[in-house]
Amino acid sequence: MSEVAKKFISTSELCQRYDKSSRTISRWPVTRGFPKPAIANNGSENLYLMEEVEAWEEREMRKGA
């Protein structure tokens, strides 16, 4: 896997990771403080920085603990 592939995660990968729709993922930056896409493609997949997604997951886990 290339460095670029490790750095970003796509909308479809996030949908699989969280078992949520792309619409839900797109609302999360407003409703849950989820990171905004690093690369937003209109009508295509967005790319999110993996480190920001992982940091968000850590914060969410601490909230639930």
C-alpha atoms as a PDB file:
ATOM      1  CA  MET A   1       0.000   0.000   0.000  1.00  0.00           C
ATOM      2  CA  SER A   2       1.375   3.400  -0.932  1.00  0.00           C
ATOM      3  CA  GLU A   3       1.968   6.226   1.526  1.00  0.00           C
ATOM      4  CA  VAL A   4      -0.889   8.175  -0.075  1.00  0.00           C
ATOM      5  CA  ALA A   5      -3.263   5.246   0.380  1.00  0.00           C
ATOM      6  CA  LYS A   6      -2.340   5.021   4.082  1.00  0.00           C
ATOM      7  CA  LYS A   7      -2.762   8.760   4.588  1.00  0.00           C
ATOM      8  CA  PHE A   8      -6.342   9.037   3.306  1.00  0.00           C
ATOM      9  CA  ILE A   9      -9.579   7.139   3.767  1.00  0.00           C
ATOM     10  CA  SER A  10     -12.445   7.436   1.290  1.00  0.00           C
ATOM     11  CA  THR A  11     -16.128   7.984   1.934  1.00  0.00           C
ATOM     12  CA  SER A  12     -16.954   4.404   0.907  1.00  0.00           C
ATOM     13  CA  GLU A  13     -14.305   3.034   3.276  1.00  0.00           C
ATOM     14  CA  LEU A  14     -15.763   5.136   6.111  1.00  0.00           C
ATOM     15  CA  CYS A  15     -19.233   3.798   5.287  1.00  0.00           C
ATOM     16  CA  GLN A  16     -17.924   0.258   5.671  1.00  0.00           C
ATOM     17  CA  ARG A  17     -15.883   1.100   8.770  1.00  0.00           C
ATOM     18  CA  TYR A  18     -18.877   2.559  10.630  1.00  0.00           C
ATOM     19  CA  ASP A  19     -21.716   0.714   8.833  1.00  0.00           C
ATOM     20  CA  LYS A  20     -23.323   4.054   7.943  1.00  0.00           C
ATOM     21  CA  SER A  21     -24.513   5.682   4.722  1.00  0.00           C
ATOM     22  CA  SER A  22     -22.507   8.310   2.871  1.00  0.00           C
ATOM     23  CA  ARG A  23     -25.238  10.824   3.735  1.00  0.00           C
ATOM     24  CA  THR A  24     -24.742  10.128   7.442  1.00  0.00           C
ATOM     25  CA  ILE A  25     -20.970  10.515   7.104  1.00  0.00           C
ATOM     26  CA  SER A  26     -21.477  13.824   5.275  1.00  0.00           C
ATOM     27  CA  ARG A  27     -23.596  15.168   8.179  1.00  0.00           C
ATOM     28  CA  TRP A  28     -21.167  14.162  10.928  1.00  0.00           C
ATOM     29  CA  PRO A  29     -18.850  17.209  10.645  1.00  0.00           C
ATOM     30  CA  VAL A  30     -21.793  19.367  11.749  1.00  0.00           C
ATOM     31  CA  THR A  31     -23.587  16.983  14.100  1.00  0.00           C
ATOM     32  CA  ARG A  32     -20.710  15.044  15.702  1.00  0.00           C
ATOM     33  CA  GLY A  33     -17.519  17.019  15.145  1.00  0.00           C
ATOM     34  CA  PHE A  34     -16.223  14.556  12.549  1.00  0.00           C
ATOM     35  CA  PRO A  35     -13.325  15.830  10.402  1.00  0.00           C
ATOM     36  CA  LYS A  36     -14.225  17.574   7.160  1.00  0.00           C
ATOM     37  CA  PRO A  37     -12.878  16.028   3.959  1.00  0.00           C
ATOM     38  CA  ALA A  38      -9.287  16.937   3.162  1.00  0.00           C
ATOM     39  CA  ILE A  39     -10.130  16.519  -0.521  1.00  0.00           C
ATOM     40  CA  ALA A  40     -13.767  17.130  -1.425  1.00  0.00           C
ATOM     41  CA  ASN A  41     -14.846  15.851  -4.828  1.00  0.00           C
ATOM     42  CA  ASN A  42     -18.214  17.078  -5.974  1.00  0.00           C
ATOM     43  CA  GLY A  43     -20.214  14.073  -7.186  1.00  0.00           C
ATOM     44  CA  SER A  44     -17.432  11.665  -6.302  1.00  0.00           C
ATOM     45  CA  GLU A  45     -15.733  10.229  -3.266  1.00  0.00           C
ATOM     46  CA  ASN A  46     -14.284  12.540  -0.657  1.00  0.00           C
ATOM     47  CA  LEU A  47     -10.973  11.758   0.983  1.00  0.00           C
ATOM     48  CA  TYR A  48     -10.385  12.246   4.702  1.00  0.00           C
ATOM     49  CA  LEU A  49      -7.061  12.368   6.495  1.00  0.00           C
ATOM     50  CA  MET A  50      -6.677   9.076   8.334  1.00  0.00           C
ATOM     51  CA  GLU A  51      -4.913  10.721  11.291  1.00  0.00           C
ATOM     52  CA  GLU A  52      -7.865  13.111  11.779  1.00  0.00           C
ATOM     53  CA  VAL A  53     -10.354  10.234  11.595  1.00  0.00           C
ATOM     54  CA  GLU A  54      -8.349   8.233  14.144  1.00  0.00           C
ATOM     55  CA  ALA A  55      -8.103  11.267  16.455  1.00  0.00           C
ATOM     56  CA  TRP A  56     -11.891  11.705  16.224  1.00  0.00           C
ATOM     57  CA  GLU A  57     -12.363   8.002  17.080  1.00  0.00           C
ATOM     58  CA  GLU A  58     -10.137   8.428  20.156  1.00  0.00           C
ATOM     59  CA  ARG A  59     -12.180  11.420  21.335  1.00  0.00           C
ATOM     60  CA  GLU A  60     -15.420   9.502  20.800  1.00  0.00           C
ATOM     61  CA  MET A  61     -14.107   6.513  22.765  1.00  0.00           C
ATOM     62  CA  ARG A  62     -13.123   8.767  25.672  1.00  0.00           C
ATOM     63  CA  LYS A  63     -16.599  10.313  25.690  1.00  0.00           C
ATOM     64  CA  GLY A  64     -18.178   6.882  25.957  1.00  0.00           C
ATOM     65  CA  ALA A  65     -15.844   5.674  28.717  1.00  0.00           C
END
